[in-house]
Amino acid sequence: MKIRVLLADDHTIVRQGLVSLLEDSGECEVVAEAADGLEAVELALEKRPDIAVLDLSMPRLGGLEAARRIHKAAPAIRLLVLTVHEEVEYVLPIVKAGVSGYLVKQTAAAELLSAIRALHQGRTFFGPEASQALAEQYLHPEAAIEDPYRNLTNREREVFHLIIEGNTTKQIAQELGLSAKTVENHRFRVMEKLNVHSIAELVRYAAHKGLLD
């Protein structure tokens, strides 16, 4: 039986290259492709792949939040995140979200198949820097793992991503099927909860937390 994989990456060329790599191996079947985080969640719950490979920075919903939602709704799906970061502040929230593998994009083509095999066999797959971060957390469990979204609701997280992508209130309302007033209320609560006072501050916050390309 081939390993059933969902691939989520907003860069079409990158995604297609990874699809070819996996299918040419003869070990995997790519059962779904997603171009953003919300689509990844929907397809994961519809297709129920063995492995979901998620880019960390995606439109509409980032890989971190997509992983959290997939893990909560379908914990049997093993999650592998693609990222450009290996710093501790990125590793720990990802693991807390239910992710079992952490792959740096620069080495994705070379290591993707190995990572998928490992996760399918019930193991984890983390690089040296990520492993060190996890070891530090094990040795010092009193150190809190900060969720960069803090206590934002699911809808507020969606609005957050649409804001930092540069969408206007009207565009966000159309995208989510909400009124402009409702979007403004969500925007206010997002900024209040994250303790930022302008869109520029919000974008800087997202960049600092690894939620923005």
N, C-alpha and C. Protein backbone atom coordinates (compact mmCIF):
# COMPACT_ATOMS: atom_id res chain seq x y z
N MET A 1 0.84 -1.19 0.00
CA MET A 1 0.00 0.00 0.00
C MET A 1 0.88 1.25 0.00
N LYS A 2 0.59 2.17 -0.91
CA LYS A 2 1.35 3.42 -0.96
C LYS A 2 0.94 4.34 0.18
N ILE A 3 1.86 5.21 0.57
CA ILE A 3 1.58 6.20 1.61
C ILE A 3 0.77 7.33 0.98
N ARG A 4 -0.38 7.60 1.55
CA ARG A 4 -1.27 8.64 1.01
C ARG A 4 -0.88 10.00 1.60
N VAL A 5 -0.59 10.96 0.71
CA VAL A 5 -0.02 12.24 1.14
C VAL A 5 -0.86 13.40 0.64
N LEU A 6 -1.04 14.39 1.50
CA LEU A 6 -1.57 15.69 1.11
C LEU A 6 -0.41 16.68 1.12
N LEU A 7 -0.28 17.49 0.07
CA LEU A 7 0.76 18.51 -0.02
C LEU A 7 0.13 19.89 -0.05
N ALA A 8 0.56 20.76 0.85
CA ALA A 8 0.03 22.13 0.90
C ALA A 8 1.18 23.12 0.81
N ASP A 9 1.20 23.90 -0.27
CA ASP A 9 2.21 24.93 -0.48
C ASP A 9 1.63 25.92 -1.48
N ASP A 10 1.74 27.21 -1.19
CA ASP A 10 1.13 28.20 -2.08
C ASP A 10 1.96 28.48 -3.33
N HIS A 11 3.21 27.97 -3.37
CA HIS A 11 4.03 28.14 -4.55
C HIS A 11 3.84 26.93 -5.47
N THR A 12 3.15 27.16 -6.57
CA THR A 12 2.75 26.07 -7.46
C THR A 12 3.94 25.26 -7.96
N ILE A 13 5.01 25.95 -8.36
CA ILE A 13 6.17 25.24 -8.91
C ILE A 13 6.81 24.35 -7.84
N VAL A 14 6.92 24.88 -6.63
CA VAL A 14 7.49 24.09 -5.52
C VAL A 14 6.62 22.87 -5.25
N ARG A 15 5.31 23.10 -5.18
CA ARG A 15 4.38 22.01 -4.88
C ARG A 15 4.44 20.93 -5.96
N GLN A 16 4.44 21.34 -7.21
CA GLN A 16 4.47 20.37 -8.30
C GLN A 16 5.77 19.57 -8.29
N GLY A 17 6.88 20.24 -7.94
CA GLY A 17 8.15 19.53 -7.85
C GLY A 17 8.13 18.47 -6.76
N LEU A 18 7.52 18.80 -5.62
CA LEU A 18 7.43 17.84 -4.53
C LEU A 18 6.49 16.69 -4.88
N VAL A 19 5.42 17.01 -5.58
CA VAL A 19 4.49 15.96 -6.03
C VAL A 19 5.22 14.97 -6.93
N SER A 20 5.98 15.49 -7.89
CA SER A 20 6.73 14.62 -8.81
C SER A 20 7.73 13.76 -8.05
N LEU A 21 8.42 14.37 -7.09
CA LEU A 21 9.40 13.64 -6.30
C LEU A 21 8.77 12.46 -5.57
N LEU A 22 7.62 12.70 -4.94
CA LEU A 22 6.97 11.65 -4.16
C LEU A 22 6.39 10.56 -5.06
N GLU A 23 5.72 10.95 -6.12
CA GLU A 23 5.08 9.96 -6.97
C GLU A 23 6.10 9.15 -7.77
N ASP A 24 7.21 9.80 -8.15
CA ASP A 24 8.25 9.07 -8.88
C ASP A 24 8.94 8.03 -8.00
N SER A 25 8.86 8.20 -6.69
CA SER A 25 9.48 7.23 -5.78
C SER A 25 8.78 5.89 -5.80
N GLY A 26 7.51 5.88 -6.19
CA GLY A 26 6.73 4.66 -6.19
C GLY A 26 6.20 4.28 -4.82
N GLU A 27 6.55 5.06 -3.79
CA GLU A 27 6.13 4.75 -2.42
C GLU A 27 4.93 5.57 -1.97
N CYS A 28 4.67 6.68 -2.66
CA CYS A 28 3.64 7.61 -2.20
C CYS A 28 2.60 7.87 -3.28
N GLU A 29 1.41 8.19 -2.82
CA GLU A 29 0.34 8.66 -3.69
C GLU A 29 -0.13 10.00 -3.15
N VAL A 30 0.00 11.07 -3.95
CA VAL A 30 -0.46 12.39 -3.53
C VAL A 30 -1.96 12.46 -3.80
N VAL A 31 -2.75 12.40 -2.73
CA VAL A 31 -4.20 12.33 -2.88
C VAL A 31 -4.85 13.70 -2.91
N ALA A 32 -4.10 14.75 -2.56
CA ALA A 32 -4.67 16.09 -2.58
C ALA A 32 -3.56 17.13 -2.57
N GLU A 33 -3.81 18.28 -3.22
CA GLU A 33 -2.91 19.41 -3.20
C GLU A 33 -3.68 20.65 -2.76
N ALA A 34 -3.07 21.46 -1.90
CA ALA A 34 -3.72 22.68 -1.42
C ALA A 34 -2.78 23.86 -1.63
N ALA A 35 -3.38 25.01 -1.94
CA ALA A 35 -2.60 26.22 -2.18
C ALA A 35 -2.67 27.21 -1.02
N ASP A 36 -3.45 26.89 0.01
CA ASP A 36 -3.51 27.74 1.19
C ASP A 36 -3.92 26.91 2.40
N GLY A 37 -3.83 27.52 3.58
CA GLY A 37 -4.05 26.79 4.81
C GLY A 37 -5.48 26.30 5.00
N LEU A 38 -6.45 27.11 4.66
CA LEU A 38 -7.84 26.69 4.84
C LEU A 38 -8.18 25.52 3.92
N GLU A 39 -7.68 25.59 2.69
CA GLU A 39 -7.92 24.48 1.75
C GLU A 39 -7.23 23.21 2.26
N ALA A 40 -6.08 23.37 2.87
CA ALA A 40 -5.36 22.21 3.41
C ALA A 40 -6.18 21.52 4.50
N VAL A 41 -6.78 22.30 5.38
CA VAL A 41 -7.60 21.73 6.45
C VAL A 41 -8.81 21.01 5.85
N GLU A 42 -9.49 21.65 4.91
CA GLU A 42 -10.68 21.06 4.30
C GLU A 42 -10.34 19.75 3.59
N LEU A 43 -9.26 19.74 2.81
CA LEU A 43 -8.89 18.54 2.07
C LEU A 43 -8.38 17.43 2.99
N ALA A 44 -7.69 17.81 4.05
CA ALA A 44 -7.22 16.79 5.00
C ALA A 44 -8.39 16.05 5.63
N LEU A 45 -9.42 16.79 6.00
CA LEU A 45 -10.57 16.17 6.64
C LEU A 45 -11.42 15.39 5.64
N GLU A 46 -11.37 15.80 4.37
CA GLU A 46 -12.13 15.09 3.34
C GLU A 46 -11.40 13.84 2.87
N LYS A 47 -10.10 13.94 2.60
CA LYS A 47 -9.33 12.84 2.01
C LYS A 47 -8.71 11.90 3.05
N ARG A 48 -8.51 12.39 4.27
CA ARG A 48 -7.89 11.61 5.35
C ARG A 48 -6.59 10.94 4.90
N PRO A 49 -5.59 11.73 4.51
CA PRO A 49 -4.32 11.15 4.09
C PRO A 49 -3.58 10.55 5.28
N ASP A 50 -2.56 9.75 5.00
CA ASP A 50 -1.70 9.25 6.07
C ASP A 50 -0.81 10.38 6.60
N ILE A 51 -0.30 11.20 5.66
CA ILE A 51 0.61 12.29 6.00
C ILE A 51 0.12 13.58 5.35
N ALA A 52 0.15 14.68 6.11
CA ALA A 52 -0.12 16.00 5.54
C ALA A 52 1.16 16.82 5.63
N VAL A 53 1.65 17.27 4.49
CA VAL A 53 2.86 18.09 4.42
C VAL A 53 2.43 19.53 4.23
N LEU A 54 2.76 20.39 5.20
CA LEU A 54 2.25 21.75 5.23
C LEU A 54 3.37 22.78 5.20
N ASP A 55 3.31 23.68 4.24
CA ASP A 55 4.20 24.84 4.27
C ASP A 55 3.82 25.69 5.48
N LEU A 56 4.80 26.31 6.12
CA LEU A 56 4.50 27.10 7.31
C LEU A 56 3.84 28.43 6.95
N SER A 57 4.28 29.05 5.87
CA SER A 57 3.74 30.35 5.48
C SER A 57 2.84 30.18 4.26
N MET A 58 1.53 30.29 4.48
CA MET A 58 0.56 30.15 3.39
C MET A 58 -0.51 31.21 3.52
N PRO A 59 -1.18 31.57 2.42
CA PRO A 59 -2.28 32.54 2.49
C PRO A 59 -3.47 31.99 3.28
N ARG A 60 -4.30 32.92 3.72
CA ARG A 60 -5.57 32.65 4.41
C ARG A 60 -5.39 32.00 5.78
N LEU A 61 -4.48 31.04 5.88
CA LEU A 61 -4.22 30.39 7.16
C LEU A 61 -2.82 29.78 7.09
N GLY A 62 -1.99 30.07 8.08
CA GLY A 62 -0.63 29.56 8.07
C GLY A 62 -0.56 28.08 8.42
N GLY A 63 0.59 27.49 8.16
CA GLY A 63 0.77 26.07 8.43
C GLY A 63 0.62 25.70 9.89
N LEU A 64 1.03 26.59 10.79
CA LEU A 64 0.91 26.33 12.22
C LEU A 64 -0.55 26.15 12.63
N GLU A 65 -1.39 27.09 12.21
CA GLU A 65 -2.80 27.00 12.58
C GLU A 65 -3.50 25.87 11.82
N ALA A 66 -3.11 25.65 10.56
CA ALA A 66 -3.68 24.53 9.81
C ALA A 66 -3.35 23.21 10.49
N ALA A 67 -2.11 23.08 10.95
CA ALA A 67 -1.70 21.86 11.67
C ALA A 67 -2.53 21.67 12.94
N ARG A 68 -2.72 22.74 13.68
CA ARG A 68 -3.49 22.66 14.92
C ARG A 68 -4.91 22.16 14.66
N ARG A 69 -5.53 22.69 13.62
CA ARG A 69 -6.91 22.31 13.32
C ARG A 69 -7.01 20.87 12.82
N ILE A 70 -6.07 20.47 11.97
CA ILE A 70 -6.08 19.09 11.46
C ILE A 70 -5.85 18.12 12.61
N HIS A 71 -4.87 18.42 13.45
CA HIS A 71 -4.56 17.50 14.56
C HIS A 71 -5.74 17.38 15.52
N LYS A 72 -6.43 18.47 15.76
CA LYS A 72 -7.56 18.44 16.67
C LYS A 72 -8.72 17.62 16.10
N ALA A 73 -8.97 17.77 14.79
CA ALA A 73 -10.11 17.09 14.16
C ALA A 73 -9.79 15.67 13.73
N ALA A 74 -8.52 15.41 13.37
CA ALA A 74 -8.15 14.09 12.86
C ALA A 74 -6.75 13.74 13.32
N PRO A 75 -6.59 13.39 14.59
CA PRO A 75 -5.25 13.16 15.15
C PRO A 75 -4.48 12.00 14.52
N ALA A 76 -5.17 11.13 13.78
CA ALA A 76 -4.47 10.01 13.14
C ALA A 76 -3.62 10.48 11.96
N ILE A 77 -3.92 11.65 11.40
CA ILE A 77 -3.12 12.18 10.29
C ILE A 77 -1.80 12.70 10.83
N ARG A 78 -0.71 12.18 10.30
CA ARG A 78 0.62 12.62 10.75
C ARG A 78 1.00 13.90 10.01
N LEU A 79 1.58 14.84 10.73
CA LEU A 79 1.81 16.18 10.19
C LEU A 79 3.29 16.48 10.05
N LEU A 80 3.66 16.97 8.86
CA LEU A 80 5.03 17.36 8.57
C LEU A 80 5.01 18.80 8.08
N VAL A 81 5.75 19.67 8.74
CA VAL A 81 5.77 21.10 8.39
C VAL A 81 7.03 21.44 7.61
N LEU A 82 6.85 22.25 6.56
CA LEU A 82 7.96 22.81 5.80
C LEU A 82 8.19 24.24 6.29
N THR A 83 9.44 24.61 6.52
CA THR A 83 9.72 25.95 7.04
C THR A 83 11.12 26.39 6.65
N VAL A 84 11.36 27.69 6.76
CA VAL A 84 12.71 28.20 6.55
C VAL A 84 13.40 28.45 7.90
N HIS A 85 12.70 28.17 9.00
CA HIS A 85 13.22 28.48 10.34
C HIS A 85 13.57 27.21 11.11
N GLU A 86 14.61 27.30 11.94
CA GLU A 86 14.93 26.23 12.87
C GLU A 86 15.10 26.76 14.29
N GLU A 87 14.83 28.05 14.50
CA GLU A 87 15.00 28.64 15.82
C GLU A 87 13.97 28.08 16.79
N VAL A 88 14.30 28.09 18.08
CA VAL A 88 13.46 27.50 19.10
C VAL A 88 12.06 28.10 19.12
N GLU A 89 11.97 29.41 18.86
CA GLU A 89 10.64 30.04 18.95
C GLU A 89 9.69 29.55 17.88
N TYR A 90 10.22 28.92 16.81
CA TYR A 90 9.36 28.35 15.78
C TYR A 90 9.11 26.87 16.02
N VAL A 91 10.11 26.17 16.53
CA VAL A 91 10.00 24.72 16.69
C VAL A 91 8.93 24.35 17.73
N LEU A 92 8.98 24.95 18.90
CA LEU A 92 8.13 24.51 20.00
C LEU A 92 6.64 24.72 19.74
N PRO A 93 6.20 25.88 19.24
CA PRO A 93 4.77 26.01 18.94
C PRO A 93 4.28 25.00 17.90
N ILE A 94 5.14 24.67 16.93
CA ILE A 94 4.78 23.71 15.90
C ILE A 94 4.56 22.33 16.50
N VAL A 95 5.46 21.91 17.38
CA VAL A 95 5.32 20.61 18.04
C VAL A 95 4.08 20.60 18.92
N LYS A 96 3.84 21.69 19.61
CA LYS A 96 2.66 21.78 20.48
C LYS A 96 1.37 21.66 19.66
N ALA A 97 1.42 22.08 18.40
CA ALA A 97 0.24 22.00 17.53
C ALA A 97 -0.05 20.58 17.05
N GLY A 98 0.86 19.63 17.33
CA GLY A 98 0.62 18.24 16.96
C GLY A 98 1.47 17.74 15.82
N VAL A 99 2.49 18.52 15.44
CA VAL A 99 3.34 18.15 14.31
C VAL A 99 4.40 17.14 14.75
N SER A 100 4.66 16.13 13.90
CA SER A 100 5.65 15.09 14.21
C SER A 100 6.90 15.21 13.38
N GLY A 101 6.90 16.12 12.39
CA GLY A 101 8.07 16.29 11.55
C GLY A 101 8.27 17.74 11.19
N TYR A 102 9.54 18.11 11.05
CA TYR A 102 9.91 19.52 10.85
C TYR A 102 11.01 19.55 9.82
N LEU A 103 10.70 20.02 8.61
CA LEU A 103 11.63 19.93 7.49
C LEU A 103 11.97 21.33 7.01
N VAL A 104 13.27 21.63 6.93
CA VAL A 104 13.72 22.93 6.45
C VAL A 104 13.64 22.95 4.93
N LYS A 105 13.09 24.03 4.39
CA LYS A 105 12.81 24.08 2.96
C LYS A 105 14.05 23.89 2.09
N GLN A 106 15.18 24.38 2.56
CA GLN A 106 16.39 24.28 1.75
C GLN A 106 16.77 22.83 1.47
N THR A 107 16.35 21.91 2.34
CA THR A 107 16.71 20.50 2.16
C THR A 107 15.48 19.64 1.87
N ALA A 108 14.36 20.29 1.57
CA ALA A 108 13.11 19.55 1.43
C ALA A 108 13.17 18.47 0.37
N ALA A 109 13.73 18.79 -0.80
CA ALA A 109 13.74 17.82 -1.89
C ALA A 109 14.56 16.58 -1.52
N ALA A 110 15.66 16.79 -0.81
CA ALA A 110 16.54 15.68 -0.47
C ALA A 110 15.98 14.83 0.67
N GLU A 111 15.26 15.45 1.59
CA GLU A 111 14.86 14.76 2.81
C GLU A 111 13.37 14.44 2.91
N LEU A 112 12.57 14.94 1.98
CA LEU A 112 11.12 14.79 2.11
C LEU A 112 10.70 13.33 2.19
N LEU A 113 11.23 12.51 1.31
CA LEU A 113 10.83 11.10 1.29
C LEU A 113 11.24 10.40 2.58
N SER A 114 12.43 10.70 3.08
CA SER A 114 12.88 10.11 4.35
C SER A 114 11.97 10.54 5.50
N ALA A 115 11.57 11.81 5.50
CA ALA A 115 10.70 12.31 6.55
C ALA A 115 9.33 11.63 6.50
N ILE A 116 8.80 11.46 5.32
CA ILE A 116 7.48 10.83 5.18
C ILE A 116 7.54 9.37 5.60
N ARG A 117 8.60 8.69 5.23
CA ARG A 117 8.76 7.29 5.66
C ARG A 117 8.79 7.22 7.19
N ALA A 118 9.55 8.10 7.80
CA ALA A 118 9.69 8.09 9.27
C ALA A 118 8.34 8.31 9.94
N LEU A 119 7.59 9.29 9.49
CA LEU A 119 6.29 9.59 10.10
C LEU A 119 5.31 8.44 9.89
N HIS A 120 5.37 7.82 8.70
CA HIS A 120 4.44 6.73 8.41
C HIS A 120 4.73 5.50 9.28
N GLN A 121 5.99 5.39 9.71
CA GLN A 121 6.38 4.28 10.59
C GLN A 121 6.18 4.61 12.07
N GLY A 122 5.57 5.76 12.33
CA GLY A 122 5.28 6.15 13.71
C GLY A 122 6.39 6.88 14.41
N ARG A 123 7.44 7.25 13.66
CA ARG A 123 8.55 7.99 14.25
C ARG A 123 8.41 9.48 13.97
N THR A 124 9.34 10.26 14.48
CA THR A 124 9.37 11.69 14.22
C THR A 124 10.56 12.01 13.32
N PHE A 125 10.58 13.25 12.81
CA PHE A 125 11.68 13.65 11.93
C PHE A 125 12.00 15.11 12.20
N PHE A 126 13.12 15.34 12.90
CA PHE A 126 13.55 16.70 13.23
C PHE A 126 15.04 16.84 12.96
N GLY A 127 15.44 17.99 12.42
CA GLY A 127 16.84 18.26 12.18
C GLY A 127 17.59 18.53 13.47
N PRO A 128 18.91 18.68 13.40
CA PRO A 128 19.73 18.87 14.61
C PRO A 128 19.32 20.07 15.45
N GLU A 129 19.08 21.23 14.80
CA GLU A 129 18.73 22.43 15.56
C GLU A 129 17.36 22.27 16.22
N ALA A 130 16.42 21.69 15.49
CA ALA A 130 15.09 21.48 16.06
C ALA A 130 15.16 20.48 17.21
N SER A 131 15.96 19.45 17.04
CA SER A 131 16.11 18.45 18.11
C SER A 131 16.70 19.08 19.37
N GLN A 132 17.65 20.00 19.18
CA GLN A 132 18.25 20.69 20.32
C GLN A 132 17.21 21.52 21.05
N ALA A 133 16.34 22.18 20.29
CA ALA A 133 15.29 22.99 20.91
C ALA A 133 14.34 22.11 21.72
N LEU A 134 14.02 20.94 21.20
CA LEU A 134 13.13 20.03 21.91
C LEU A 134 13.82 19.47 23.16
N ALA A 135 15.11 19.21 23.06
CA ALA A 135 15.86 18.73 24.22
C ALA A 135 15.88 19.77 25.32
N GLU A 136 16.05 21.03 24.94
CA GLU A 136 16.05 22.11 25.93
C GLU A 136 14.70 22.20 26.62
N GLN A 137 13.63 22.02 25.85
CA GLN A 137 12.30 22.06 26.44
C GLN A 137 12.10 20.89 27.41
N TYR A 138 12.64 19.73 27.05
CA TYR A 138 12.53 18.56 27.93
C TYR A 138 13.29 18.79 29.23
N LEU A 139 14.48 19.39 29.11
CA LEU A 139 15.31 19.63 30.29
C LEU A 139 14.77 20.76 31.16
N HIS A 140 14.06 21.69 30.51
CA HIS A 140 13.53 22.85 31.24
C HIS A 140 12.03 23.00 30.95
N PRO A 141 11.23 22.07 31.43
CA PRO A 141 9.79 22.10 31.12
C PRO A 141 9.06 23.31 31.68
N GLU A 142 9.71 24.00 32.62
CA GLU A 142 9.07 25.17 33.19
C GLU A 142 9.02 26.33 32.19
N ALA A 143 9.84 26.25 31.15
CA ALA A 143 9.84 27.31 30.13
C ALA A 143 8.60 27.17 29.27
N ALA A 144 7.82 28.19 29.26
CA ALA A 144 6.53 28.13 28.55
C ALA A 144 6.72 28.11 27.04
N ILE A 145 5.85 27.36 26.36
CA ILE A 145 5.82 27.36 24.90
C ILE A 145 4.77 28.39 24.48
N GLU A 146 5.23 29.46 23.88
CA GLU A 146 4.31 30.54 23.52
C GLU A 146 3.60 30.22 22.21
N ASP A 147 2.29 30.33 22.22
CA ASP A 147 1.51 30.24 20.99
C ASP A 147 1.50 31.63 20.38
N PRO A 148 2.08 31.81 19.17
CA PRO A 148 2.14 33.15 18.59
C PRO A 148 0.76 33.75 18.32
N TYR A 149 -0.26 32.90 18.23
CA TYR A 149 -1.62 33.41 18.04
C TYR A 149 -2.29 33.78 19.37
N ARG A 150 -1.61 33.40 20.47
CA ARG A 150 -2.14 33.66 21.81
C ARG A 150 -3.56 33.11 21.93
N ASN A 151 -4.51 33.94 22.33
CA ASN A 151 -5.87 33.43 22.55
C ASN A 151 -6.84 33.88 21.46
N LEU A 152 -6.35 34.07 20.24
CA LEU A 152 -7.24 34.41 19.13
C LEU A 152 -8.16 33.23 18.83
N THR A 153 -9.41 33.54 18.51
CA THR A 153 -10.34 32.50 18.09
C THR A 153 -9.99 32.04 16.67
N ASN A 154 -10.61 30.96 16.21
CA ASN A 154 -10.34 30.49 14.85
C ASN A 154 -10.64 31.57 13.81
N ARG A 155 -11.78 32.25 13.97
CA ARG A 155 -12.14 33.29 13.00
C ARG A 155 -11.16 34.46 13.07
N GLU A 156 -10.74 34.82 14.27
CA GLU A 156 -9.78 35.91 14.41
C GLU A 156 -8.45 35.56 13.78
N ARG A 157 -8.07 34.28 13.83
CA ARG A 157 -6.82 33.86 13.20
C ARG A 157 -6.92 33.99 11.68
N GLU A 158 -8.09 33.67 11.13
CA GLU A 158 -8.29 33.82 9.69
C GLU A 158 -8.22 35.29 9.30
N VAL A 159 -8.88 36.15 10.08
CA VAL A 159 -8.84 37.59 9.80
C VAL A 159 -7.42 38.12 9.92
N PHE A 160 -6.70 37.66 10.94
CA PHE A 160 -5.31 38.04 11.14
C PHE A 160 -4.48 37.79 9.88
N HIS A 161 -4.61 36.59 9.32
CA HIS A 161 -3.81 36.26 8.13
C HIS A 161 -4.22 37.10 6.93
N LEU A 162 -5.49 37.34 6.79
CA LEU A 162 -5.95 38.15 5.65
C LEU A 162 -5.48 39.60 5.79
N ILE A 163 -5.41 40.10 7.01
CA ILE A 163 -4.93 41.46 7.24
C ILE A 163 -3.46 41.57 6.86
N ILE A 164 -2.64 40.64 7.35
CA ILE A 164 -1.19 40.75 7.11
C ILE A 164 -0.83 40.48 5.65
N GLU A 165 -1.77 39.90 4.90
CA GLU A 165 -1.56 39.73 3.46
C GLU A 165 -1.90 41.00 2.69
N GLY A 166 -2.42 42.02 3.40
CA GLY A 166 -2.70 43.31 2.77
C GLY A 166 -4.12 43.49 2.28
N ASN A 167 -5.04 42.60 2.70
CA ASN A 167 -6.43 42.72 2.26
C ASN A 167 -7.15 43.86 3.00
N THR A 168 -8.05 44.51 2.31
CA THR A 168 -8.87 45.56 2.92
C THR A 168 -10.04 44.92 3.68
N THR A 169 -10.72 45.72 4.48
CA THR A 169 -11.89 45.23 5.21
C THR A 169 -12.92 44.66 4.25
N LYS A 170 -13.15 45.35 3.14
CA LYS A 170 -14.13 44.89 2.15
C LYS A 170 -13.72 43.54 1.56
N GLN A 171 -12.44 43.40 1.23
CA GLN A 171 -11.95 42.14 0.66
C GLN A 171 -12.06 40.99 1.66
N ILE A 172 -11.74 41.27 2.91
CA ILE A 172 -11.85 40.24 3.94
C ILE A 172 -13.31 39.83 4.13
N ALA A 173 -14.20 40.81 4.13
CA ALA A 173 -15.63 40.52 4.28
C ALA A 173 -16.12 39.62 3.15
N GLN A 174 -15.67 39.90 1.93
CA GLN A 174 -16.08 39.09 0.78
C GLN A 174 -15.49 37.68 0.87
N GLU A 175 -14.24 37.59 1.28
CA GLU A 175 -13.55 36.30 1.38
C GLU A 175 -14.22 35.38 2.40
N LEU A 176 -14.61 35.96 3.54
CA LEU A 176 -15.14 35.15 4.64
C LEU A 176 -16.67 35.16 4.72
N GLY A 177 -17.31 35.90 3.85
CA GLY A 177 -18.77 35.96 3.87
C GLY A 177 -19.32 36.67 5.10
N LEU A 178 -18.63 37.73 5.52
CA LEU A 178 -19.04 38.48 6.70
C LEU A 178 -19.37 39.92 6.32
N SER A 179 -20.01 40.64 7.23
CA SER A 179 -20.24 42.06 7.01
C SER A 179 -18.97 42.83 7.32
N ALA A 180 -18.86 44.03 6.75
CA ALA A 180 -17.69 44.86 7.01
C ALA A 180 -17.59 45.19 8.50
N LYS A 181 -18.73 45.42 9.15
CA LYS A 181 -18.74 45.74 10.57
C LYS A 181 -18.19 44.58 11.40
N THR A 182 -18.57 43.36 11.05
CA THR A 182 -18.07 42.18 11.76
C THR A 182 -16.56 42.04 11.59
N VAL A 183 -16.08 42.29 10.38
CA VAL A 183 -14.64 42.23 10.13
C VAL A 183 -13.91 43.27 10.96
N GLU A 184 -14.46 44.48 11.03
CA GLU A 184 -13.84 45.54 11.85
C GLU A 184 -13.78 45.12 13.31
N ASN A 185 -14.83 44.47 13.80
CA ASN A 185 -14.84 44.00 15.18
C ASN A 185 -13.75 42.95 15.40
N HIS A 186 -13.62 42.02 14.45
CA HIS A 186 -12.56 41.01 14.55
C HIS A 186 -11.18 41.67 14.51
N ARG A 187 -11.01 42.64 13.62
CA ARG A 187 -9.73 43.35 13.51
C ARG A 187 -9.37 44.01 14.85
N PHE A 188 -10.34 44.66 15.45
CA PHE A 188 -10.11 45.32 16.74
C PHE A 188 -9.66 44.32 17.81
N ARG A 189 -10.36 43.17 17.86
CA ARG A 189 -10.02 42.18 18.88
C ARG A 189 -8.65 41.54 18.63
N VAL A 190 -8.32 41.32 17.36
CA VAL A 190 -7.01 40.77 17.01
C VAL A 190 -5.90 41.70 17.52
N MET A 191 -6.02 42.97 17.22
CA MET A 191 -4.99 43.93 17.60
C MET A 191 -4.94 44.11 19.11
N GLU A 192 -6.09 44.06 19.75
CA GLU A 192 -6.14 44.19 21.20
C GLU A 192 -5.47 42.99 21.87
N LYS A 193 -5.79 41.78 21.42
CA LYS A 193 -5.24 40.57 22.04
C LYS A 193 -3.74 40.43 21.82
N LEU A 194 -3.26 40.90 20.66
CA LEU A 194 -1.83 40.80 20.35
C LEU A 194 -1.06 42.05 20.81
N ASN A 195 -1.78 42.99 21.37
CA ASN A 195 -1.18 44.22 21.91
C ASN A 195 -0.40 44.99 20.86
N VAL A 196 -1.02 45.17 19.69
CA VAL A 196 -0.44 46.01 18.65
C VAL A 196 -1.43 47.14 18.35
N HIS A 197 -0.92 48.23 17.78
CA HIS A 197 -1.75 49.41 17.65
C HIS A 197 -1.88 49.92 16.21
N SER A 198 -1.32 49.18 15.27
CA SER A 198 -1.44 49.56 13.87
C SER A 198 -1.23 48.33 13.00
N ILE A 199 -1.62 48.45 11.73
CA ILE A 199 -1.41 47.33 10.81
C ILE A 199 0.08 47.07 10.61
N ALA A 200 0.86 48.13 10.59
CA ALA A 200 2.31 47.96 10.44
C ALA A 200 2.88 47.15 11.60
N GLU A 201 2.43 47.43 12.82
CA GLU A 201 2.88 46.67 13.99
C GLU A 201 2.44 45.22 13.88
N LEU A 202 1.23 45.01 13.38
CA LEU A 202 0.71 43.65 13.24
C LEU A 202 1.55 42.85 12.25
N VAL A 203 1.94 43.48 11.14
CA VAL A 203 2.78 42.81 10.15
C VAL A 203 4.15 42.49 10.73
N ARG A 204 4.71 43.44 11.50
CA ARG A 204 6.01 43.18 12.14
C ARG A 204 5.91 42.04 13.14
N TYR A 205 4.80 41.99 13.88
CA TYR A 205 4.58 40.90 14.83
C TYR A 205 4.55 39.56 14.09
N ALA A 206 3.81 39.50 12.98
CA ALA A 206 3.70 38.27 12.19
C ALA A 206 5.06 37.84 11.66
N ALA A 207 5.85 38.80 11.19
CA ALA A 207 7.17 38.49 10.65
C ALA A 207 8.08 37.95 11.76
N HIS A 208 8.03 38.57 12.92
CA HIS A 208 8.87 38.15 14.05
C HIS A 208 8.52 36.74 14.53
N LYS A 209 7.24 36.39 14.44
CA LYS A 209 6.79 35.08 14.92
C LYS A 209 6.84 33.99 13.85
N GLY A 210 7.36 34.35 12.68
CA GLY A 210 7.47 33.35 11.61
C GLY A 210 6.16 33.03 10.93
N LEU A 211 5.21 33.96 10.98
CA LEU A 211 3.90 33.74 10.38
C LEU A 211 3.74 34.44 9.04
N LEU A 212 4.85 34.99 8.57
CA LEU A 212 4.83 35.76 7.33
C LEU A 212 6.08 35.43 6.53
N ASP A 213 5.93 35.25 5.21
CA ASP A 213 7.10 34.99 4.37
C ASP A 213 8.06 36.17 4.41
